[in-house]
């Protein structure tokens, strides 16, 4: 059981790392944080090309939140 949890924790760490790279790349491309980008997007201040980046960024942020929560729970269980 413990080995399975450790493997899952390792998988989560890899996914978090990949998602953080995606987020960092998008922050670099737009020169703003997710929160600022989201606000500009909702106001319509960005070009239409930003639509796909919005979807990718939003999905990345949501998945990061879920994975970090799962990681924290696993780390607590594993002590």
PDB file of N, CA and C in Angstrom:
ATOM      1  N   UNK A   1       0.824  -1.200   0.000  1.00  0.00           N
ATOM      2  CA  UNK A   1       0.000   0.000   0.000  1.00  0.00           C
ATOM      3  C   UNK A   1       0.862   1.255   0.000  1.00  0.00           C
ATOM      4  N   UNK A   2       1.875   1.272   0.865  1.00  0.00           N
ATOM      5  CA  UNK A   2       2.741   2.440   0.958  1.00  0.00           C
ATOM      6  C   UNK A   2       3.468   2.686  -0.352  1.00  0.00           C
ATOM      7  N   UNK A   3       3.922   1.606  -0.994  1.00  0.00           N
ATOM      8  CA  UNK A   3       4.633   1.760  -2.276  1.00  0.00           C
ATOM      9  C   UNK A   3       3.720   2.364  -3.338  1.00  0.00           C
ATOM     10  N   UNK A   4       2.476   1.936  -3.338  1.00  0.00           N
ATOM     11  CA  UNK A   4       1.515   2.490  -4.291  1.00  0.00           C
ATOM     12  C   UNK A   4       1.335   3.991  -4.056  1.00  0.00           C
ATOM     13  N   UNK A   5       1.217   4.392  -2.807  1.00  0.00           N
ATOM     14  CA  UNK A   5       1.046   5.806  -2.476  1.00  0.00           C
ATOM     15  C   UNK A   5       2.279   6.610  -2.861  1.00  0.00           C
ATOM     16  N   UNK A   6       3.440   6.033  -2.650  1.00  0.00           N
ATOM     17  CA  UNK A   6       4.684   6.717  -3.022  1.00  0.00           C
ATOM     18  C   UNK A   6       4.793   6.877  -4.533  1.00  0.00           C
ATOM     19  N   UNK A   7       4.383   5.848  -5.270  1.00  0.00           N
ATOM     20  CA  UNK A   7       4.384   5.946  -6.737  1.00  0.00           C
ATOM     21  C   UNK A   7       3.428   7.033  -7.200  1.00  0.00           C
ATOM     22  N   UNK A   8       2.254   7.069  -6.589  1.00  0.00           N
ATOM     23  CA  UNK A   8       1.269   8.102  -6.956  1.00  0.00           C
ATOM     24  C   UNK A   8       1.816   9.488  -6.641  1.00  0.00           C
ATOM     25  N   UNK A   9       2.473   9.623  -5.508  1.00  0.00           N
ATOM     26  CA  UNK A   9       3.062  10.902  -5.130  1.00  0.00           C
ATOM     27  C   UNK A   9       4.107  11.328  -6.158  1.00  0.00           C
ATOM     28  N   UNK A  10       4.900  10.397  -6.617  1.00  0.00           N
ATOM     29  CA  UNK A  10       5.908  10.679  -7.641  1.00  0.00           C
ATOM     30  C   UNK A  10       5.250  11.125  -8.946  1.00  0.00           C
ATOM     31  N   UNK A  11       4.177  10.451  -9.333  1.00  0.00           N
ATOM     32  CA  UNK A  11       3.436  10.829 -10.546  1.00  0.00           C
ATOM     33  C   UNK A  11       2.886  12.241 -10.413  1.00  0.00           C
ATOM     34  N   UNK A  12       2.338  12.548  -9.266  1.00  0.00           N
ATOM     35  CA  UNK A  12       1.769  13.872  -9.024  1.00  0.00           C
ATOM     36  C   UNK A  12       2.863  14.932  -9.121  1.00  0.00           C
ATOM     37  N   UNK A  13       4.012  14.665  -8.508  1.00  0.00           N
ATOM     38  CA  UNK A  13       5.117  15.630  -8.555  1.00  0.00           C
ATOM     39  C   UNK A  13       5.527  15.910 -10.000  1.00  0.00           C
ATOM     40  N   UNK A  14       5.570  14.875 -10.837  1.00  0.00           N
ATOM     41  CA  UNK A  14       5.917  15.049 -12.244  1.00  0.00           C
ATOM     42  C   UNK A  14       4.863  15.889 -12.961  1.00  0.00           C
ATOM     43  N   UNK A  15       3.598  15.595 -12.721  1.00  0.00           N
ATOM     44  CA  UNK A  15       2.523  16.357 -13.359  1.00  0.00           C
ATOM     45  C   UNK A  15       2.541  17.808 -12.903  1.00  0.00           C
ATOM     46  N   UNK A  16       2.754  18.034 -11.620  1.00  0.00           N
ATOM     47  CA  UNK A  16       2.818  19.398 -11.094  1.00  0.00           C
ATOM     48  C   UNK A  16       3.955  20.156 -11.765  1.00  0.00           C
ATOM     49  N   UNK A  17       5.093  19.515 -11.894  1.00  0.00           N
ATOM     50  CA  UNK A  17       6.250  20.146 -12.529  1.00  0.00           C
ATOM     51  C   UNK A  17       5.941  20.548 -13.978  1.00  0.00           C
ATOM     52  N   UNK A  18       5.307  19.653 -14.714  1.00  0.00           N
ATOM     53  CA  UNK A  18       4.952  19.944 -16.108  1.00  0.00           C
ATOM     54  C   UNK A  18       3.936  21.079 -16.202  1.00  0.00           C
ATOM     55  N   UNK A  19       2.949  21.065 -15.330  1.00  0.00           N
ATOM     56  CA  UNK A  19       1.930  22.116 -15.339  1.00  0.00           C
ATOM     57  C   UNK A  19       2.531  23.461 -14.921  1.00  0.00           C
ATOM     58  N   UNK A  20       3.431  23.451 -13.956  1.00  0.00           N
ATOM     59  CA  UNK A  20       4.074  24.697 -13.544  1.00  0.00           C
ATOM     60  C   UNK A  20       4.899  25.277 -14.688  1.00  0.00           C
ATOM     61  N   UNK A  21       5.526  24.415 -15.486  1.00  0.00           N
ATOM     62  CA  UNK A  21       6.265  24.890 -16.649  1.00  0.00           C
ATOM     63  C   UNK A  21       5.315  25.540 -17.653  1.00  0.00           C
ATOM     64  N   UNK A  22       4.186  24.923 -17.892  1.00  0.00           N
ATOM     65  CA  UNK A  22       3.190  25.493 -18.798  1.00  0.00           C
ATOM     66  C   UNK A  22       2.742  26.865 -18.305  1.00  0.00           C
ATOM     67  N   UNK A  23       2.422  26.957 -17.019  1.00  0.00           N
ATOM     68  CA  UNK A  23       1.980  28.225 -16.438  1.00  0.00           C
ATOM     69  C   UNK A  23       3.086  29.277 -16.548  1.00  0.00           C
ATOM     70  N   UNK A  24       4.326  28.888 -16.234  1.00  0.00           N
ATOM     71  CA  UNK A  24       5.441  29.830 -16.334  1.00  0.00           C
ATOM     72  C   UNK A  24       5.649  30.311 -17.768  1.00  0.00           C
ATOM     73  N   UNK A  25       5.500  29.400 -18.723  1.00  0.00           N
ATOM     74  CA  UNK A  25       5.624  29.778 -20.131  1.00  0.00           C
ATOM     75  C   UNK A  25       4.554  30.793 -20.516  1.00  0.00           C
ATOM     76  N   UNK A  26       3.326  30.559 -20.081  1.00  0.00           N
ATOM     77  CA  UNK A  26       2.233  31.489 -20.396  1.00  0.00           C
ATOM     78  C   UNK A  26       2.432  32.825 -19.690  1.00  0.00           C
ATOM     79  N   UNK A  27       2.885  32.795 -18.449  1.00  0.00           N
ATOM     80  CA  UNK A  27       3.168  34.052 -17.741  1.00  0.00           C
ATOM     81  C   UNK A  27       4.246  34.835 -18.477  1.00  0.00           C
ATOM     82  N   UNK A  28       5.261  34.124 -18.969  1.00  0.00           N
ATOM     83  CA  UNK A  28       6.321  34.785 -19.726  1.00  0.00           C
ATOM     84  C   UNK A  28       5.828  35.352 -21.042  1.00  0.00           C
ATOM     85  N   UNK A  29       4.965  34.618 -21.717  1.00  0.00           N
ATOM     86  CA  UNK A  29       4.438  35.060 -23.009  1.00  0.00           C
ATOM     87  C   UNK A  29       3.609  36.332 -22.860  1.00  0.00           C
ATOM     88  N   UNK A  30       2.790  36.394 -21.812  1.00  0.00           N
ATOM     89  CA  UNK A  30       1.894  37.536 -21.632  1.00  0.00           C
ATOM     90  C   UNK A  30       2.416  38.564 -20.635  1.00  0.00           C
ATOM     91  N   UNK A  31       3.446  38.204 -19.885  1.00  0.00           N
ATOM     92  CA  UNK A  31       4.048  39.132 -18.941  1.00  0.00           C
ATOM     93  C   UNK A  31       3.162  39.476 -17.757  1.00  0.00           C
ATOM     94  N   UNK A  32       2.210  38.585 -17.447  1.00  0.00           N
ATOM     95  CA  UNK A  32       1.302  38.819 -16.320  1.00  0.00           C
ATOM     96  C   UNK A  32       0.979  37.490 -15.639  1.00  0.00           C
ATOM     97  N   UNK A  33       0.437  37.586 -14.442  1.00  0.00           N
ATOM     98  CA  UNK A  33      -0.015  36.397 -13.721  1.00  0.00           C
ATOM     99  C   UNK A  33      -1.342  35.913 -14.310  1.00  0.00           C
ATOM    100  N   UNK A  34      -1.740  34.722 -13.897  1.00  0.00           N
ATOM    101  CA  UNK A  34      -3.022  34.168 -14.335  1.00  0.00           C
ATOM    102  C   UNK A  34      -4.174  35.109 -13.990  1.00  0.00           C
ATOM    103  N   UNK A  35      -4.159  35.642 -12.766  1.00  0.00           N
ATOM    104  CA  UNK A  35      -5.269  36.487 -12.321  1.00  0.00           C
ATOM    105  C   UNK A  35      -5.415  37.729 -13.205  1.00  0.00           C
ATOM    106  N   UNK A  36      -4.304  38.345 -13.549  1.00  0.00           N
ATOM    107  CA  UNK A  36      -4.336  39.534 -14.413  1.00  0.00           C
ATOM    108  C   UNK A  36      -4.781  39.148 -15.819  1.00  0.00           C
ATOM    109  N   UNK A  37      -4.235  38.048 -16.333  1.00  0.00           N
ATOM    110  CA  UNK A  37      -4.614  37.574 -17.662  1.00  0.00           C
ATOM    111  C   UNK A  37      -6.109  37.283 -17.729  1.00  0.00           C
ATOM    112  N   UNK A  38      -6.603  36.590 -16.707  1.00  0.00           N
ATOM    113  CA  UNK A  38      -8.022  36.223 -16.674  1.00  0.00           C
ATOM    114  C   UNK A  38      -8.903  37.477 -16.692  1.00  0.00           C
ATOM    115  N   UNK A  39      -8.527  38.466 -15.922  1.00  0.00           N
ATOM    116  CA  UNK A  39      -9.301  39.710 -15.875  1.00  0.00           C
ATOM    117  C   UNK A  39      -9.289  40.406 -17.238  1.00  0.00           C
ATOM    118  N   UNK A  40      -8.110  40.491 -17.852  1.00  0.00           N
ATOM    119  CA  UNK A  40      -8.013  41.106 -19.182  1.00  0.00           C
ATOM    120  C   UNK A  40      -8.845  40.326 -20.195  1.00  0.00           C
ATOM    121  N   UNK A  41      -8.790  39.010 -20.106  1.00  0.00           N
ATOM    122  CA  UNK A  41      -9.544  38.169 -21.030  1.00  0.00           C
ATOM    123  C   UNK A  41     -11.039  38.415 -20.883  1.00  0.00           C
ATOM    124  N   UNK A  42     -11.505  38.435 -19.655  1.00  0.00           N
ATOM    125  CA  UNK A  42     -12.936  38.631 -19.406  1.00  0.00           C
ATOM    126  C   UNK A  42     -13.411  40.005 -19.846  1.00  0.00           C
ATOM    127  N   UNK A  43     -12.530  40.994 -19.806  1.00  0.00           N
ATOM    128  CA  UNK A  43     -12.884  42.346 -20.266  1.00  0.00           C
ATOM    129  C   UNK A  43     -12.811  42.465 -21.778  1.00  0.00           C
ATOM    130  N   UNK A  44     -12.218  41.461 -22.430  1.00  0.00           N
ATOM    131  CA  UNK A  44     -12.075  41.505 -23.878  1.00  0.00           C
ATOM    132  C   UNK A  44     -10.884  42.328 -24.328  1.00  0.00           C
ATOM    133  N   UNK A  45      -9.898  42.480 -23.446  1.00  0.00           N
ATOM    134  CA  UNK A  45      -8.729  43.295 -23.749  1.00  0.00           C
ATOM    135  C   UNK A  45      -7.634  42.540 -24.497  1.00  0.00           C
ATOM    136  N   UNK A  46      -7.852  41.271 -24.789  1.00  0.00           N
ATOM    137  CA  UNK A  46      -6.827  40.469 -25.459  1.00  0.00           C
ATOM    138  C   UNK A  46      -7.285  40.093 -26.863  1.00  0.00           C
ATOM    139  N   UNK A  47      -6.301  39.828 -27.709  1.00  0.00           N
ATOM    140  CA  UNK A  47      -6.607  39.412 -29.078  1.00  0.00           C
ATOM    141  C   UNK A  47      -7.290  38.048 -29.072  1.00  0.00           C
ATOM    142  N   UNK A  48      -7.982  37.763 -30.156  1.00  0.00           N
ATOM    143  CA  UNK A  48      -8.715  36.500 -30.274  1.00  0.00           C
ATOM    144  C   UNK A  48      -7.792  35.289 -30.157  1.00  0.00           C
ATOM    145  N   UNK A  49      -6.521  35.474 -30.526  1.00  0.00           N
ATOM    146  CA  UNK A  49      -5.552  34.384 -30.443  1.00  0.00           C
ATOM    147  C   UNK A  49      -5.356  33.911 -29.003  1.00  0.00           C
ATOM    148  N   UNK A  50      -5.733  34.724 -28.036  1.00  0.00           N
ATOM    149  CA  UNK A  50      -5.553  34.375 -26.626  1.00  0.00           C
ATOM    150  C   UNK A  50      -6.587  33.349 -26.156  1.00  0.00           C
ATOM    151  N   UNK A  51      -7.593  33.062 -26.961  1.00  0.00           N
ATOM    152  CA  UNK A  51      -8.650  32.137 -26.545  1.00  0.00           C
ATOM    153  C   UNK A  51      -8.107  30.764 -26.136  1.00  0.00           C
ATOM    154  N   UNK A  52      -7.266  30.183 -26.980  1.00  0.00           N
ATOM    155  CA  UNK A  52      -6.728  28.851 -26.675  1.00  0.00           C
ATOM    156  C   UNK A  52      -5.797  28.902 -25.469  1.00  0.00           C
ATOM    157  N   UNK A  53      -5.030  29.983 -25.358  1.00  0.00           N
ATOM    158  CA  UNK A  53      -4.161  30.130 -24.190  1.00  0.00           C
ATOM    159  C   UNK A  53      -4.996  30.245 -22.916  1.00  0.00           C
ATOM    160  N   UNK A  54      -6.118  30.927 -23.002  1.00  0.00           N
ATOM    161  CA  UNK A  54      -7.001  31.046 -21.838  1.00  0.00           C
ATOM    162  C   UNK A  54      -7.468  29.661 -21.393  1.00  0.00           C
ATOM    163  N   UNK A  55      -7.903  28.866 -22.341  1.00  0.00           N
ATOM    164  CA  UNK A  55      -8.400  27.528 -22.024  1.00  0.00           C
ATOM    165  C   UNK A  55      -7.293  26.679 -21.409  1.00  0.00           C
ATOM    166  N   UNK A  56      -6.106  26.714 -22.021  1.00  0.00           N
ATOM    167  CA  UNK A  56      -4.986  25.929 -21.509  1.00  0.00           C
ATOM    168  C   UNK A  56      -4.569  26.398 -20.116  1.00  0.00           C
ATOM    169  N   UNK A  57      -4.506  27.715 -19.941  1.00  0.00           N
ATOM    170  CA  UNK A  57      -4.063  28.272 -18.661  1.00  0.00           C
ATOM    171  C   UNK A  57      -5.066  27.963 -17.552  1.00  0.00           C
ATOM    172  N   UNK A  58      -6.342  28.151 -17.849  1.00  0.00           N
ATOM    173  CA  UNK A  58      -7.385  27.881 -16.862  1.00  0.00           C
ATOM    174  C   UNK A  58      -7.364  26.401 -16.461  1.00  0.00           C
ATOM    175  N   UNK A  59      -7.277  25.521 -17.444  1.00  0.00           N
ATOM    176  CA  UNK A  59      -7.243  24.085 -17.157  1.00  0.00           C
ATOM    177  C   UNK A  59      -6.005  23.724 -16.331  1.00  0.00           C
ATOM    178  N   UNK A  60      -4.881  24.322 -16.670  1.00  0.00           N
ATOM    179  CA  UNK A  60      -3.642  24.064 -15.933  1.00  0.00           C
ATOM    180  C   UNK A  60      -3.764  24.510 -14.485  1.00  0.00           C
ATOM    181  N   UNK A  61      -4.350  25.664 -14.270  1.00  0.00           N
ATOM    182  CA  UNK A  61      -4.506  26.191 -12.910  1.00  0.00           C
ATOM    183  C   UNK A  61      -5.436  25.304 -12.088  1.00  0.00           C
ATOM    184  N   UNK A  62      -6.533  24.861 -12.686  1.00  0.00           N
ATOM    185  CA  UNK A  62      -7.478  23.992 -11.980  1.00  0.00           C
ATOM    186  C   UNK A  62      -6.837  22.648 -11.629  1.00  0.00           C
ATOM    187  N   UNK A  63      -6.151  22.074 -12.601  1.00  0.00           N
ATOM    188  CA  UNK A  63      -5.512  20.782 -12.367  1.00  0.00           C
ATOM    189  C   UNK A  63      -4.400  20.914 -11.331  1.00  0.00           C
ATOM    190  N   UNK A  64      -3.638  21.994 -11.389  1.00  0.00           N
ATOM    191  CA  UNK A  64      -2.598  22.229 -10.388  1.00  0.00           C
ATOM    192  C   UNK A  64      -3.183  22.272  -8.984  1.00  0.00           C
ATOM    193  N   UNK A  65      -4.298  22.959  -8.841  1.00  0.00           N
ATOM    194  CA  UNK A  65      -4.942  23.063  -7.535  1.00  0.00           C
ATOM    195  C   UNK A  65      -5.345  21.676  -7.019  1.00  0.00           C
ATOM    196  N   UNK A  66      -5.944  20.872  -7.885  1.00  0.00           N
ATOM    197  CA  UNK A  66      -6.369  19.533  -7.490  1.00  0.00           C
ATOM    198  C   UNK A  66      -5.182  18.638  -7.157  1.00  0.00           C
ATOM    199  N   UNK A  67      -4.146  18.686  -7.988  1.00  0.00           N
ATOM    200  CA  UNK A  67      -2.977  17.839  -7.759  1.00  0.00           C
ATOM    201  C   UNK A  67      -2.231  18.240  -6.495  1.00  0.00           C
ATOM    202  N   UNK A  68      -2.132  19.528  -6.243  1.00  0.00           N
ATOM    203  CA  UNK A  68      -1.464  19.983  -5.023  1.00  0.00           C
ATOM    204  C   UNK A  68      -2.234  19.532  -3.783  1.00  0.00           C
ATOM    205  N   UNK A  69      -3.546  19.572  -3.866  1.00  0.00           N
ATOM    206  CA  UNK A  69      -4.363  19.111  -2.742  1.00  0.00           C
ATOM    207  C   UNK A  69      -4.139  17.607  -2.516  1.00  0.00           C
ATOM    208  N   UNK A  70      -4.154  16.839  -3.595  1.00  0.00           N
ATOM    209  CA  UNK A  70      -3.918  15.393  -3.481  1.00  0.00           C
ATOM    210  C   UNK A  70      -2.510  15.127  -2.955  1.00  0.00           C
ATOM    211  N   UNK A  71      -1.523  15.874  -3.449  1.00  0.00           N
ATOM    212  CA  UNK A  71      -0.142  15.720  -2.985  1.00  0.00           C
ATOM    213  C   UNK A  71      -0.037  15.973  -1.484  1.00  0.00           C
ATOM    214  N   UNK A  72      -0.673  17.052  -1.035  1.00  0.00           N
ATOM    215  CA  UNK A  72      -0.631  17.387   0.391  1.00  0.00           C
ATOM    216  C   UNK A  72      -1.260  16.286   1.238  1.00  0.00           C
ATOM    217  N   UNK A  73      -2.358  15.726   0.763  1.00  0.00           N
ATOM    218  CA  UNK A  73      -3.020  14.649   1.488  1.00  0.00           C
ATOM    219  C   UNK A  73      -2.141  13.401   1.543  1.00  0.00           C
ATOM    220  N   UNK A  74      -1.523  13.076   0.418  1.00  0.00           N
ATOM    221  CA  UNK A  74      -0.643  11.907   0.382  1.00  0.00           C
ATOM    222  C   UNK A  74       0.555  12.103   1.304  1.00  0.00           C
ATOM    223  N   UNK A  75       1.127  13.292   1.304  1.00  0.00           N
ATOM    224  CA  UNK A  75       2.284  13.557   2.138  1.00  0.00           C
ATOM    225  C   UNK A  75       1.910  13.449   3.620  1.00  0.00           C
ATOM    226  N   UNK A  76       0.697  13.872   3.929  1.00  0.00           N
ATOM    227  CA  UNK A  76       0.224  13.768   5.320  1.00  0.00           C
ATOM    228  C   UNK A  76       0.072  12.304   5.717  1.00  0.00           C
ATOM    229  N   UNK A  77      -0.498  11.494   4.829  1.00  0.00           N
ATOM    230  CA  UNK A  77      -0.703  10.074   5.111  1.00  0.00           C
ATOM    231  C   UNK A  77       0.645   9.355   5.237  1.00  0.00           C
ATOM    232  N   UNK A  78       1.574   9.701   4.364  1.00  0.00           N
ATOM    233  CA  UNK A  78       2.873   9.042   4.368  1.00  0.00           C
ATOM    234  C   UNK A  78       3.775   9.523   5.492  1.00  0.00           C
ATOM    235  N   UNK A  79       3.397  10.672   6.069  1.00  0.00           N
ATOM    236  CA  UNK A  79       4.141  11.196   7.226  1.00  0.00           C
ATOM    237  C   UNK A  79       5.469  11.710   6.809  1.00  0.00           C
TER     238      UNK A  79
END
